[in-house]
């Protein structure tokens, strides 16, 4: 799966489920500061994205994400390397 496809899926989830305006959803948008997500929202987002993930995301990996691009990269790496942690 291409990174752009992942970005579009995340974007759709943030628009539909979190009522975030599309113009705020740029790759360098910071999840907590710019998009005003909290830790519960982050968990909800991962649950929403589980449908196209090969396995669960390691919570340690997700703790390191700060921007929307970080989320895309983490999911992309998970899809590319489904066996690694």
N, C-alpha and C. Protein backbone atom coordinates (compact mmCIF):
# COMPACT_ATOMS: atom_id res chain seq x y z
N UNK A 1 0.85 -1.18 0.00
CA UNK A 1 0.00 0.00 0.00
C UNK A 1 0.89 1.24 0.00
N UNK A 2 0.57 2.17 -0.85
CA UNK A 2 1.34 3.41 -0.96
C UNK A 2 1.07 4.35 0.22
N UNK A 3 2.06 5.17 0.54
CA UNK A 3 1.90 6.12 1.64
C UNK A 3 0.75 7.10 1.39
N UNK A 4 0.54 7.48 0.14
CA UNK A 4 -0.55 8.42 -0.16
C UNK A 4 -1.91 7.79 0.16
N UNK A 5 -2.06 6.50 -0.11
CA UNK A 5 -3.31 5.79 0.19
C UNK A 5 -3.53 5.75 1.71
N UNK A 6 -2.47 5.46 2.43
CA UNK A 6 -2.55 5.45 3.90
C UNK A 6 -2.94 6.83 4.41
N UNK A 7 -2.29 7.85 3.88
CA UNK A 7 -2.60 9.23 4.29
C UNK A 7 -4.08 9.54 4.05
N UNK A 8 -4.59 9.14 2.89
CA UNK A 8 -6.00 9.42 2.56
C UNK A 8 -6.95 8.69 3.51
N UNK A 9 -6.62 7.46 3.90
CA UNK A 9 -7.46 6.72 4.84
C UNK A 9 -7.46 7.38 6.22
N UNK A 10 -6.30 7.81 6.66
CA UNK A 10 -6.20 8.50 7.95
C UNK A 10 -6.97 9.80 7.89
N UNK A 11 -6.79 10.53 6.80
CA UNK A 11 -7.48 11.80 6.61
C UNK A 11 -8.99 11.62 6.67
N UNK A 12 -9.49 10.61 5.97
CA UNK A 12 -10.93 10.34 5.95
C UNK A 12 -11.43 10.02 7.36
N UNK A 13 -10.66 9.23 8.10
CA UNK A 13 -11.06 8.89 9.47
C UNK A 13 -11.10 10.13 10.35
N UNK A 14 -10.11 10.99 10.20
CA UNK A 14 -10.06 12.20 11.03
C UNK A 14 -11.19 13.17 10.68
N UNK A 15 -11.55 13.24 9.43
CA UNK A 15 -12.66 14.11 9.02
C UNK A 15 -13.99 13.53 9.50
N UNK A 16 -14.21 12.24 9.23
CA UNK A 16 -15.49 11.60 9.54
C UNK A 16 -15.73 11.40 11.03
N UNK A 17 -14.71 10.94 11.73
CA UNK A 17 -14.90 10.54 13.12
C UNK A 17 -14.48 11.59 14.15
N UNK A 18 -13.63 12.51 13.75
CA UNK A 18 -13.14 13.49 14.71
C UNK A 18 -13.51 14.93 14.34
N UNK A 19 -14.25 15.07 13.24
CA UNK A 19 -14.72 16.40 12.79
C UNK A 19 -13.59 17.42 12.64
N UNK A 20 -12.46 16.96 12.12
CA UNK A 20 -11.33 17.86 11.88
C UNK A 20 -11.45 18.39 10.46
N UNK A 21 -11.26 19.67 10.31
CA UNK A 21 -11.36 20.29 8.99
C UNK A 21 -10.24 19.81 8.07
N UNK A 22 -10.61 19.53 6.82
CA UNK A 22 -9.67 18.96 5.85
C UNK A 22 -8.42 19.82 5.66
N UNK A 23 -8.57 21.12 5.68
CA UNK A 23 -7.41 21.99 5.44
C UNK A 23 -6.35 21.87 6.55
N UNK A 24 -6.72 21.37 7.73
CA UNK A 24 -5.75 21.17 8.80
C UNK A 24 -4.93 19.89 8.60
N UNK A 25 -5.41 19.00 7.75
CA UNK A 25 -4.81 17.67 7.61
C UNK A 25 -3.70 17.66 6.56
N UNK A 26 -2.56 18.14 6.99
CA UNK A 26 -1.35 18.15 6.15
C UNK A 26 -0.33 17.25 6.83
N UNK A 27 0.62 16.70 6.06
CA UNK A 27 1.56 15.75 6.65
C UNK A 27 2.30 16.23 7.90
N UNK A 28 2.64 17.51 7.95
CA UNK A 28 3.39 17.99 9.12
C UNK A 28 2.51 18.48 10.26
N UNK A 29 1.20 18.24 10.18
CA UNK A 29 0.30 18.63 11.27
C UNK A 29 0.63 17.80 12.50
N UNK A 30 0.81 18.49 13.62
CA UNK A 30 1.10 17.80 14.88
C UNK A 30 -0.21 17.31 15.48
N UNK A 31 -0.22 16.04 15.87
CA UNK A 31 -1.46 15.40 16.32
C UNK A 31 -2.07 16.11 17.52
N UNK A 32 -1.27 16.42 18.51
CA UNK A 32 -1.81 16.95 19.75
C UNK A 32 -1.98 18.47 19.71
N UNK A 33 -1.00 19.16 19.15
CA UNK A 33 -1.06 20.62 19.14
C UNK A 33 -1.96 21.16 18.02
N UNK A 34 -1.73 20.70 16.78
CA UNK A 34 -2.46 21.26 15.64
C UNK A 34 -3.85 20.65 15.46
N UNK A 35 -3.94 19.34 15.68
CA UNK A 35 -5.22 18.66 15.44
C UNK A 35 -6.02 18.48 16.72
N UNK A 36 -5.41 18.84 17.85
CA UNK A 36 -6.06 18.81 19.16
C UNK A 36 -6.59 17.42 19.53
N UNK A 37 -5.82 16.39 19.14
CA UNK A 37 -6.17 15.03 19.55
C UNK A 37 -5.57 14.78 20.93
N UNK A 38 -6.22 13.93 21.69
CA UNK A 38 -5.63 13.52 22.96
C UNK A 38 -5.30 12.04 22.88
N UNK A 39 -4.80 11.47 23.95
CA UNK A 39 -4.37 10.07 23.91
C UNK A 39 -5.54 9.12 23.63
N UNK A 40 -6.72 9.44 24.11
CA UNK A 40 -7.90 8.61 23.84
C UNK A 40 -8.23 8.67 22.34
N UNK A 41 -8.15 9.87 21.76
CA UNK A 41 -8.39 10.02 20.31
C UNK A 41 -7.38 9.20 19.51
N UNK A 42 -6.13 9.19 19.95
CA UNK A 42 -5.10 8.44 19.24
C UNK A 42 -5.43 6.95 19.25
N UNK A 43 -5.89 6.44 20.38
CA UNK A 43 -6.29 5.03 20.46
C UNK A 43 -7.49 4.78 19.55
N UNK A 44 -8.46 5.67 19.58
CA UNK A 44 -9.64 5.53 18.72
C UNK A 44 -9.25 5.51 17.24
N UNK A 45 -8.28 6.34 16.88
CA UNK A 45 -7.83 6.39 15.49
C UNK A 45 -7.20 5.05 15.09
N UNK A 46 -6.37 4.50 15.95
CA UNK A 46 -5.74 3.21 15.64
C UNK A 46 -6.80 2.12 15.51
N UNK A 47 -7.78 2.12 16.38
CA UNK A 47 -8.87 1.13 16.28
C UNK A 47 -9.57 1.28 14.94
N UNK A 48 -9.81 2.50 14.52
CA UNK A 48 -10.47 2.77 13.25
C UNK A 48 -9.64 2.27 12.07
N UNK A 49 -8.31 2.36 12.16
CA UNK A 49 -7.43 1.98 11.06
C UNK A 49 -7.08 0.49 11.05
N UNK A 50 -7.45 -0.23 12.10
CA UNK A 50 -7.10 -1.65 12.21
C UNK A 50 -7.56 -2.49 11.02
N UNK A 51 -8.60 -2.07 10.36
CA UNK A 51 -9.17 -2.88 9.28
C UNK A 51 -8.18 -3.12 8.13
N UNK A 52 -7.22 -2.24 7.94
CA UNK A 52 -6.26 -2.48 6.86
C UNK A 52 -4.83 -2.71 7.36
N UNK A 53 -4.69 -3.02 8.64
CA UNK A 53 -3.37 -3.33 9.19
C UNK A 53 -3.18 -4.84 9.29
N UNK A 54 -1.96 -5.33 8.99
CA UNK A 54 -1.72 -6.76 9.05
C UNK A 54 -1.66 -7.31 10.48
N UNK A 55 -1.38 -6.42 11.44
CA UNK A 55 -1.34 -6.81 12.85
C UNK A 55 -1.45 -5.55 13.69
N UNK A 56 -1.50 -5.73 14.99
CA UNK A 56 -1.60 -4.57 15.88
C UNK A 56 -0.32 -3.74 15.85
N UNK A 57 -0.48 -2.47 16.08
CA UNK A 57 0.67 -1.58 16.19
C UNK A 57 1.23 -1.69 17.60
N UNK A 58 2.53 -1.83 17.70
CA UNK A 58 3.20 -1.86 18.99
C UNK A 58 3.00 -0.49 19.65
N UNK A 59 2.45 -0.46 20.86
CA UNK A 59 2.23 0.84 21.52
C UNK A 59 3.48 1.69 21.63
N UNK A 60 4.65 1.05 21.75
CA UNK A 60 5.90 1.81 21.83
C UNK A 60 6.16 2.59 20.55
N UNK A 61 5.80 2.01 19.40
CA UNK A 61 5.97 2.69 18.12
C UNK A 61 5.07 3.91 18.07
N UNK A 62 3.84 3.73 18.51
CA UNK A 62 2.89 4.84 18.40
C UNK A 62 3.21 5.96 19.38
N UNK A 63 3.88 5.66 20.47
CA UNK A 63 4.27 6.72 21.42
C UNK A 63 5.23 7.71 20.78
N UNK A 64 5.96 7.26 19.76
CA UNK A 64 6.97 8.11 19.12
C UNK A 64 6.38 9.03 18.05
N UNK A 65 5.15 8.80 17.63
CA UNK A 65 4.59 9.63 16.55
C UNK A 65 4.17 10.98 17.09
N UNK A 66 4.45 11.99 16.30
CA UNK A 66 4.09 13.36 16.67
C UNK A 66 3.26 14.05 15.59
N UNK A 67 3.50 13.66 14.33
CA UNK A 67 2.81 14.32 13.23
C UNK A 67 1.98 13.31 12.45
N UNK A 68 1.15 13.82 11.58
CA UNK A 68 0.35 12.96 10.71
C UNK A 68 1.27 12.10 9.84
N UNK A 69 2.37 12.68 9.36
CA UNK A 69 3.32 11.91 8.55
C UNK A 69 3.95 10.79 9.37
N UNK A 70 4.20 11.01 10.65
CA UNK A 70 4.73 9.95 11.51
C UNK A 70 3.77 8.76 11.57
N UNK A 71 2.47 9.04 11.63
CA UNK A 71 1.47 7.98 11.66
C UNK A 71 1.50 7.22 10.33
N UNK A 72 1.54 7.96 9.23
CA UNK A 72 1.60 7.33 7.90
C UNK A 72 2.84 6.43 7.82
N UNK A 73 3.99 6.94 8.24
CA UNK A 73 5.23 6.17 8.17
C UNK A 73 5.17 4.92 9.04
N UNK A 74 4.62 5.04 10.24
CA UNK A 74 4.52 3.89 11.14
C UNK A 74 3.63 2.80 10.54
N UNK A 75 2.50 3.21 9.98
CA UNK A 75 1.58 2.25 9.37
C UNK A 75 2.21 1.64 8.11
N UNK A 76 2.86 2.46 7.32
CA UNK A 76 3.53 1.97 6.11
C UNK A 76 4.58 0.92 6.47
N UNK A 77 5.39 1.21 7.48
CA UNK A 77 6.43 0.27 7.90
C UNK A 77 5.82 -1.03 8.42
N UNK A 78 4.72 -0.92 9.12
CA UNK A 78 4.02 -2.10 9.62
C UNK A 78 3.51 -2.96 8.48
N UNK A 79 2.97 -2.33 7.46
CA UNK A 79 2.46 -3.07 6.30
C UNK A 79 3.61 -3.70 5.51
N UNK A 80 4.71 -2.97 5.36
CA UNK A 80 5.86 -3.48 4.62
C UNK A 80 6.57 -4.61 5.34
N UNK A 81 6.56 -4.57 6.66
CA UNK A 81 7.26 -5.56 7.48
C UNK A 81 6.32 -6.16 8.51
N UNK A 82 5.32 -6.91 8.09
CA UNK A 82 4.30 -7.39 9.02
C UNK A 82 4.84 -8.34 10.11
N UNK A 83 6.00 -8.94 9.88
CA UNK A 83 6.54 -9.88 10.87
C UNK A 83 7.41 -9.21 11.92
N UNK A 84 7.98 -8.05 11.57
CA UNK A 84 8.88 -7.39 12.53
C UNK A 84 8.08 -6.60 13.54
N UNK A 85 8.75 -6.29 14.63
CA UNK A 85 8.09 -5.54 15.69
C UNK A 85 8.30 -4.07 15.54
